[in-house]
Amino acid sequence: MLIVRQDIVLNSVPLERIVPHLERQAAAPGRSEVMQLLIHEQYFYPQDRHYLRDFRARVERAVEWVTSVAASRCSTRMDSSGRRSAEVCS
């Protein structure tokens, strides 16, 4: 069995609160090495009664934030032949 704690469920956090929510999660000890992002599928089908018109903006905002933070915290190590050997994140 695998139990995973999500860092954010995008359909439950308003667009303007996504970045502050992710910043709090990233600052929490033991929570920032892997960020779990989730959205339930019924929120992105227009025919579903739970449809959120801004679902795409929510997903984009979260992914942009996570990738920008990862890029600022990580660097690539190269082996002696010039091939990428590891990602090192602080």
C-alpha atoms as a PDB file:
ATOM      1  CA  MET A   1       0.000   0.000   0.000  1.00  0.00           C
ATOM      2  CA  LEU A   2       1.190   3.511  -0.795  1.00  0.00           C
ATOM      3  CA  ILE A   3      -0.195   6.485   1.079  1.00  0.00           C
ATOM      4  CA  VAL A   4       0.648   9.901  -0.327  1.00  0.00           C
ATOM      5  CA  ARG A   5      -0.102  13.225   1.287  1.00  0.00           C
ATOM      6  CA  GLN A   6      -1.076  15.819  -1.316  1.00  0.00           C
ATOM      7  CA  ASP A   7       0.417  19.292  -1.001  1.00  0.00           C
ATOM      8  CA  ILE A   8      -2.521  20.884  -2.773  1.00  0.00           C
ATOM      9  CA  VAL A   9      -5.852  19.865  -4.252  1.00  0.00           C
ATOM     10  CA  LEU A  10      -6.241  22.536  -6.906  1.00  0.00           C
ATOM     11  CA  ASN A  11     -10.004  22.381  -7.177  1.00  0.00           C
ATOM     12  CA  SER A  12     -10.321  23.298  -3.482  1.00  0.00           C
ATOM     13  CA  VAL A  13      -7.955  26.294  -3.445  1.00  0.00           C
ATOM     14  CA  PRO A  14      -8.973  29.539  -5.196  1.00  0.00           C
ATOM     15  CA  LEU A  15      -6.586  30.787  -7.888  1.00  0.00           C
ATOM     16  CA  GLU A  16      -5.332  33.754  -5.848  1.00  0.00           C
ATOM     17  CA  ARG A  17      -4.470  31.495  -2.888  1.00  0.00           C
ATOM     18  CA  ILE A  18      -2.495  28.836  -4.793  1.00  0.00           C
ATOM     19  CA  VAL A  19       0.932  30.474  -4.554  1.00  0.00           C
ATOM     20  CA  PRO A  20       0.623  31.377  -0.844  1.00  0.00           C
ATOM     21  CA  HIS A  21      -0.562  27.827  -0.133  1.00  0.00           C
ATOM     22  CA  LEU A  22       2.382  26.285  -2.004  1.00  0.00           C
ATOM     23  CA  GLU A  23       4.821  28.662  -0.301  1.00  0.00           C
ATOM     24  CA  ARG A  24       3.562  27.496   3.109  1.00  0.00           C
ATOM     25  CA  GLN A  25       3.901  23.869   2.058  1.00  0.00           C
ATOM     26  CA  ALA A  26       7.431  24.425   0.732  1.00  0.00           C
ATOM     27  CA  ALA A  27       8.451  26.076   4.004  1.00  0.00           C
ATOM     28  CA  ALA A  28       7.155  23.196   6.133  1.00  0.00           C
ATOM     29  CA  PRO A  29       9.876  20.825   7.339  1.00  0.00           C
ATOM     30  CA  GLY A  30       9.901  17.578   5.418  1.00  0.00           C
ATOM     31  CA  ARG A  31       7.294  18.717   2.900  1.00  0.00           C
ATOM     32  CA  SER A  32       9.209  20.461   0.145  1.00  0.00           C
ATOM     33  CA  GLU A  33      11.371  17.768  -1.470  1.00  0.00           C
ATOM     34  CA  VAL A  34       8.515  16.396  -3.574  1.00  0.00           C
ATOM     35  CA  MET A  35       5.413  18.481  -4.243  1.00  0.00           C
ATOM     36  CA  GLN A  36       2.202  16.560  -4.947  1.00  0.00           C
ATOM     37  CA  LEU A  37      -0.335  18.510  -7.034  1.00  0.00           C
ATOM     38  CA  LEU A  38      -3.819  17.124  -7.622  1.00  0.00           C
ATOM     39  CA  ILE A  39      -7.053  18.144  -9.319  1.00  0.00           C
ATOM     40  CA  HIS A  40     -10.101  15.925  -9.508  1.00  0.00           C
ATOM     41  CA  GLU A  41     -11.125  15.300 -13.097  1.00  0.00           C
ATOM     42  CA  GLN A  42     -14.776  16.323 -12.749  1.00  0.00           C
ATOM     43  CA  TYR A  43     -13.608  19.928 -12.352  1.00  0.00           C
ATOM     44  CA  PHE A  44     -12.264  20.191 -15.911  1.00  0.00           C
ATOM     45  CA  TYR A  45     -15.184  18.747 -17.919  1.00  0.00           C
ATOM     46  CA  PRO A  46     -17.584  21.530 -18.992  1.00  0.00           C
ATOM     47  CA  GLN A  47     -20.544  19.132 -18.976  1.00  0.00           C
ATOM     48  CA  ASP A  48     -19.974  18.200 -15.331  1.00  0.00           C
ATOM     49  CA  ARG A  49     -21.881  20.126 -12.677  1.00  0.00           C
ATOM     50  CA  HIS A  50     -18.650  20.633 -10.689  1.00  0.00           C
ATOM     51  CA  TYR A  51     -16.826  22.275 -13.620  1.00  0.00           C
ATOM     52  CA  LEU A  52     -14.509  25.145 -12.691  1.00  0.00           C
ATOM     53  CA  ARG A  53     -14.022  27.711 -15.448  1.00  0.00           C
ATOM     54  CA  ASP A  54     -10.589  28.637 -14.128  1.00  0.00           C
ATOM     55  CA  PHE A  55      -9.259  25.071 -13.732  1.00  0.00           C
ATOM     56  CA  ARG A  56      -6.620  25.607 -16.443  1.00  0.00           C
ATOM     57  CA  ALA A  57      -5.359  28.797 -14.752  1.00  0.00           C
ATOM     58  CA  ARG A  58      -5.155  26.956 -11.415  1.00  0.00           C
ATOM     59  CA  VAL A  59      -3.102  24.133 -12.902  1.00  0.00           C
ATOM     60  CA  GLU A  60      -0.841  26.540 -14.802  1.00  0.00           C
ATOM     61  CA  ARG A  61      -0.276  28.732 -11.726  1.00  0.00           C
ATOM     62  CA  ALA A  62       0.719  25.734  -9.593  1.00  0.00           C
ATOM     63  CA  VAL A  63       2.987  24.177 -12.222  1.00  0.00           C
ATOM     64  CA  GLU A  64       4.658  27.520 -12.987  1.00  0.00           C
ATOM     65  CA  TRP A  65       5.343  28.083  -9.289  1.00  0.00           C
ATOM     66  CA  VAL A  66       6.689  24.579  -8.684  1.00  0.00           C
ATOM     67  CA  THR A  67       8.959  24.646 -11.737  1.00  0.00           C
ATOM     68  CA  SER A  68      10.287  28.133 -10.943  1.00  0.00           C
ATOM     69  CA  VAL A  69      11.083  27.123  -7.363  1.00  0.00           C
ATOM     70  CA  ALA A  70      12.697  23.881  -8.521  1.00  0.00           C
ATOM     71  CA  ALA A  71      14.805  25.758 -11.054  1.00  0.00           C
ATOM     72  CA  SER A  72      15.995  28.202  -8.415  1.00  0.00           C
ATOM     73  CA  ARG A  73      16.851  25.457  -5.890  1.00  0.00           C
ATOM     74  CA  CYS A  74      18.393  22.832  -8.155  1.00  0.00           C
ATOM     75  CA  SER A  75      21.487  22.489 -10.264  1.00  0.00           C
ATOM     76  CA  THR A  76      22.693  19.740 -12.553  1.00  0.00           C
ATOM     77  CA  ARG A  77      25.868  17.787 -11.859  1.00  0.00           C
ATOM     78  CA  MET A  78      27.796  16.461 -14.819  1.00  0.00           C
ATOM     79  CA  ASP A  79      29.987  13.399 -14.829  1.00  0.00           C
ATOM     80  CA  SER A  80      33.533  13.368 -16.231  1.00  0.00           C
ATOM     81  CA  SER A  81      32.269  12.678 -19.765  1.00  0.00           C
ATOM     82  CA  GLY A  82      29.938  15.685 -19.720  1.00  0.00           C
ATOM     83  CA  ARG A  83      26.731  13.710 -19.228  1.00  0.00           C
ATOM     84  CA  ARG A  84      24.187  14.760 -16.646  1.00  0.00           C
ATOM     85  CA  SER A  85      24.647  12.600 -13.573  1.00  0.00           C
ATOM     86  CA  ALA A  86      22.340  14.089 -10.939  1.00  0.00           C
ATOM     87  CA  GLU A  87      20.038  16.902  -9.922  1.00  0.00           C
ATOM     88  CA  VAL A  88      21.166  18.549  -6.707  1.00  0.00           C
ATOM     89  CA  CYS A  89      18.603  20.579  -4.840  1.00  0.00           C
ATOM     90  CA  SER A  90      19.034  22.659  -1.736  1.00  0.00           C
END
